[in-house]
Every structure is written in structure tokens, then in C-alpha cells.
C-alpha atoms as a PDB file:
ATOM      1  CA  MET A   1      -0.002  -0.098   0.011  1.00  0.00           C
ATOM      2  CA  ARG A   2       2.774   2.352   0.686  1.00  0.00           C
ATOM      3  CA  GLY A   3       3.979   2.697  -2.942  1.00  0.00           C
ATOM      4  CA  LYS A   4       0.638   3.691  -4.101  1.00  0.00           C
ATOM      5  CA  GLU A   5      -0.026   6.662  -1.675  1.00  0.00           C
ATOM      6  CA  TYR A   6       3.460   8.224  -2.091  1.00  0.00           C
ATOM      7  CA  LEU A   7       5.286   9.966  -4.846  1.00  0.00           C
ATOM      8  CA  THR A   8       8.365   7.656  -5.467  1.00  0.00           C
ATOM      9  CA  ARG A   9      10.015   8.704  -8.595  1.00  0.00           C
ATOM     10  CA  SER A  10      12.000  11.869  -9.535  1.00  0.00           C
ATOM     11  CA  GLU A  11       9.854  12.223 -12.644  1.00  0.00           C
ATOM     12  CA  GLN A  12       6.640  12.442 -10.568  1.00  0.00           C
ATOM     13  CA  TYR A  13       8.172  15.096  -8.320  1.00  0.00           C
ATOM     14  CA  ALA A  14       9.491  17.080 -11.360  1.00  0.00           C
ATOM     15  CA  LEU A  15       6.234  17.098 -12.927  1.00  0.00           C
ATOM     16  CA  VAL A  16       4.449  18.380  -9.893  1.00  0.00           C
ATOM     17  CA  TYR A  17       7.193  21.072  -9.397  1.00  0.00           C
ATOM     18  CA  LYS A  18       6.793  22.180 -12.912  1.00  0.00           C
ATOM     19  CA  GLU A  19       2.996  22.277 -13.503  1.00  0.00           C
ATOM     20  CA  GLY A  20       1.592  22.141 -10.083  1.00  0.00           C
ATOM     21  CA  SER A  21      -0.310  25.039  -8.241  1.00  0.00           C
ATOM     22  CA  SER A  22       1.354  26.204  -5.095  1.00  0.00           C
ATOM     23  CA  GLU A  23       0.167  27.414  -1.600  1.00  0.00           C
ATOM     24  CA  THR A  24       2.579  28.627   1.045  1.00  0.00           C
ATOM     25  CA  SER A  25       2.645  29.231   4.750  1.00  0.00           C
ATOM     26  CA  ASP A  26       5.253  30.224   7.232  1.00  0.00           C
ATOM     27  CA  LEU A  27       6.139  26.494   7.932  1.00  0.00           C
ATOM     28  CA  VAL A  28       5.157  24.543   4.716  1.00  0.00           C
ATOM     29  CA  VAL A  29       4.938  25.080   0.911  1.00  0.00           C
ATOM     30  CA  MET A  30       2.712  22.894  -0.887  1.00  0.00           C
ATOM     31  CA  LYS A  31       2.531  22.178  -4.598  1.00  0.00           C
ATOM     32  CA  ALA A  32      -0.511  20.169  -6.027  1.00  0.00           C
ATOM     33  CA  LEU A  33      -1.341  18.707  -9.534  1.00  0.00           C
ATOM     34  CA  PRO A  34      -4.279  16.632 -10.595  1.00  0.00           C
ATOM     35  CA  ASN A  35      -3.066  13.069 -11.327  1.00  0.00           C
ATOM     36  CA  GLY A  36      -6.243  11.494 -12.939  1.00  0.00           C
ATOM     37  CA  LEU A  37      -6.149   8.507 -10.514  1.00  0.00           C
ATOM     38  CA  ASP A  38      -8.581   7.211  -7.989  1.00  0.00           C
ATOM     39  CA  LEU A  39      -6.158   8.086  -5.121  1.00  0.00           C
ATOM     40  CA  SER A  40      -4.096  11.039  -3.960  1.00  0.00           C
ATOM     41  CA  ARG A  41      -0.442  10.550  -3.577  1.00  0.00           C
ATOM     42  CA  TYR A  42       2.031  12.900  -1.636  1.00  0.00           C
ATOM     43  CA  GLY A  43       5.703  13.429  -1.105  1.00  0.00           C
ATOM     44  CA  PHE A  44       7.866  15.377   1.038  1.00  0.00           C
ATOM     45  CA  SER A  45      10.979  17.505   0.329  1.00  0.00           C
ATOM     46  CA  VAL A  46      12.905  18.645   3.379  1.00  0.00           C
ATOM     47  CA  SER A  47      16.239  20.253   2.790  1.00  0.00           C
ATOM     48  CA  ARG A  48      19.422  20.392   4.708  1.00  0.00           C
ATOM     49  CA  ARG A  49      18.543  23.935   5.668  1.00  0.00           C
ATOM     50  CA  VAL A  50      15.907  22.380   7.940  1.00  0.00           C
ATOM     51  CA  GLY A  51      18.620  20.438   9.993  1.00  0.00           C
ATOM     52  CA  GLY A  52      20.548  17.463  10.117  1.00  0.00           C
ATOM     53  CA  ALA A  53      19.219  13.944   9.130  1.00  0.00           C
ATOM     54  CA  VAL A  54      17.579  13.275  12.499  1.00  0.00           C
ATOM     55  CA  VAL A  55      15.558  16.614  12.277  1.00  0.00           C
ATOM     56  CA  ARG A  56      14.615  16.216   8.771  1.00  0.00           C
ATOM     57  CA  ASN A  57      13.334  12.646   9.195  1.00  0.00           C
ATOM     58  CA  ARG A  58      11.447  13.874  12.349  1.00  0.00           C
ATOM     59  CA  VAL A  59       9.739  16.589  10.202  1.00  0.00           C
ATOM     60  CA  LYS A  60       8.850  14.159   7.645  1.00  0.00           C
ATOM     61  CA  ARG A  61       7.299  11.686  10.185  1.00  0.00           C
ATOM     62  CA  ARG A  62       5.219  14.506  11.767  1.00  0.00           C
ATOM     63  CA  LEU A  63       3.954  15.442   8.211  1.00  0.00           C
ATOM     64  CA  ARG A  64       3.128  11.948   7.423  1.00  0.00           C
ATOM     65  CA  GLU A  65       1.135  11.681  10.728  1.00  0.00           C
ATOM     66  CA  ILE A  66      -0.826  14.838   9.924  1.00  0.00           C
ATOM     67  CA  LEU A  67      -1.733  13.589   6.575  1.00  0.00           C
ATOM     68  CA  ARG A  68      -2.900  10.280   7.839  1.00  0.00           C
ATOM     69  CA  SER A  69      -5.734  11.873   9.694  1.00  0.00           C
ATOM     70  CA  ALA A  70      -6.625  14.392   6.945  1.00  0.00           C
ATOM     71  CA  PRO A  71      -9.500  13.491   4.594  1.00  0.00           C
ATOM     72  CA  LEU A  72      -7.830  14.174   1.174  1.00  0.00           C
ATOM     73  CA  LYS A  73      -9.800  14.353  -2.030  1.00  0.00           C
ATOM     74  CA  SER A  74      -8.712  11.652  -4.561  1.00  0.00           C
ATOM     75  CA  GLY A  75      -6.906  12.333  -7.754  1.00  0.00           C
ATOM     76  CA  TRP A  76      -4.013  14.681  -6.681  1.00  0.00           C
ATOM     77  CA  ASP A  77      -0.333  14.626  -6.380  1.00  0.00           C
ATOM     78  CA  ILE A  78       0.885  16.831  -3.655  1.00  0.00           C
ATOM     79  CA  ILE A  79       4.410  17.662  -2.436  1.00  0.00           C
ATOM     80  CA  PHE A  80       5.104  19.463   0.960  1.00  0.00           C
ATOM     81  CA  MET A  81       8.141  21.337   1.296  1.00  0.00           C
ATOM     82  CA  ALA A  82       9.263  22.171   4.734  1.00  0.00           C
ATOM     83  CA  ARG A  83      10.692  25.395   5.704  1.00  0.00           C
ATOM     84  CA  PRO A  84      13.390  25.696   8.412  1.00  0.00           C
ATOM     85  CA  GLN A  85      10.944  26.952  10.950  1.00  0.00           C
ATOM     86  CA  ALA A  86       8.932  23.636  10.754  1.00  0.00           C
ATOM     87  CA  ALA A  87      11.700  21.893  12.710  1.00  0.00           C
ATOM     88  CA  ALA A  88      11.071  23.872  15.858  1.00  0.00           C
ATOM     89  CA  ALA A  89       7.223  24.263  15.457  1.00  0.00           C
ATOM     90  CA  GLN A  90       4.876  22.601  17.856  1.00  0.00           C
ATOM     91  CA  SER A  91       2.878  19.710  16.259  1.00  0.00           C
ATOM     92  CA  ALA A  92      -0.366  21.525  16.608  1.00  0.00           C
ATOM     93  CA  ARG A  93       0.869  24.621  14.770  1.00  0.00           C
ATOM     94  CA  LEU A  94       2.394  22.456  12.146  1.00  0.00           C
ATOM     95  CA  GLU A  95      -0.893  20.543  11.687  1.00  0.00           C
ATOM     96  CA  LYS A  96      -2.903  23.734  11.490  1.00  0.00           C
ATOM     97  CA  SER A  97      -0.624  24.980   8.834  1.00  0.00           C
ATOM     98  CA  VAL A  98      -0.863  21.829   6.673  1.00  0.00           C
ATOM     99  CA  LYS A  99      -4.644  21.665   7.008  1.00  0.00           C
ATOM    100  CA  GLY A 100      -4.935  25.261   6.196  1.00  0.00           C
ATOM    101  CA  LEU A 101      -2.935  24.886   3.041  1.00  0.00           C
ATOM    102  CA  LEU A 102      -4.952  21.821   2.052  1.00  0.00           C
ATOM    103  CA  SER A 103      -8.203  23.689   2.697  1.00  0.00           C
ATOM    104  CA  ARG A 104      -7.147  26.747   0.752  1.00  0.00           C
ATOM    105  CA  ALA A 105      -6.327  24.610  -2.331  1.00  0.00           C
ATOM    106  CA  GLY A 106      -9.635  22.781  -1.907  1.00  0.00           C
ATOM    107  CA  LEU A 107      -8.007  19.355  -1.356  1.00  0.00           C
ATOM    108  CA  LEU A 108      -9.821  18.367   1.878  1.00  0.00           C
ATOM    109  CA  ALA A 109     -12.905  16.171   1.291  1.00  0.00           C
ATOM    110  CA  ASN A 110     -15.930  17.607   3.082  1.00  0.00           C
ATOM    111  CA  LYS A 111     -17.947  15.467   5.514  1.00  0.00           C
ATOM    112  CA  TYR A 112     -20.625  14.501   2.823  1.00  0.00           C
ATOM    113  CA  GLU A 113     -18.000  13.235   0.479  1.00  0.00           C
ATOM    114  CA  GLU A 114     -16.205  11.430   3.283  1.00  0.00           C
ATOM    115  CA  ALA A 115     -19.327   9.733   4.359  1.00  0.00           C
ATOM    116  CA  SER A 116     -20.154   8.678   0.852  1.00  0.00           C
ATOM    117  CA  LEU A 117     -16.620   7.222   0.596  1.00  0.00           C
ATOM    118  CA  ARG A 118     -17.278   4.938   3.658  1.00  0.00           C
ATOM    119  CA  THR A 119     -20.464   3.564   2.312  1.00  0.00           C
ATOM    120  CA  ASN A 120     -19.029   2.607  -1.089  1.00  0.00           C
END
């Protein structure tokens, strides 16, 4: 299941970087592009400016956990690029930032869509 919900190839990242629309906050930058699939895939880009390997991996784990609880609309490729401030941010603030970006881009499934997905 892991390979299906993540962007795994550099070509996939390059396409989203080149053609995707972008939303920004003080902690995270998000790029999104419709993918024509029945599921949404996401990836992370955390540069060395954020911190060492341990810090970068911690940021990615926190972002993954936030996205597990977020009801995403299907059919999108999404990349989250962490800014250096994300390493020091509290989890609640990081979650609010990510969900705010998803909401502004219209990528959060509303409760009606979420309910219909459960019944199908």
C-alpha cells in the first residue's frame, strides 16, 4: 500500500514542481497537481537547511502523521516542502498550517464526500 500513496519517482516530483499550483505558509510550501487516478499521492521535500538527518526525518514523520488524519480528495499529487521553521514548530501549529494549505487549495474532502466514501 505504501508505494501507491506516495510519490516515489523523481519524474513524478519534477512534474508536480513544474506544473503544479502552489500554496505557502510560514512553515510549509505545498504544490499540487491533478493526477487522474482514484487516489491522492503525496511526497515530502525537506532540505538540509531544516537541520541534520535526524531533524529532517522527524519533520517528515510529523507531516506523514498529519496527512494520515486528513481526509484528502482523491486524484491529486501533492508535495510538501518544509521550511526551516517547521523543525522547531509544535505539532499543533504544524498541523494547522498543513490543513490550512489543503483547505485553501480545496483538497480536503468535506464530510458529505467522506461519508459517501465510507458507504461505497
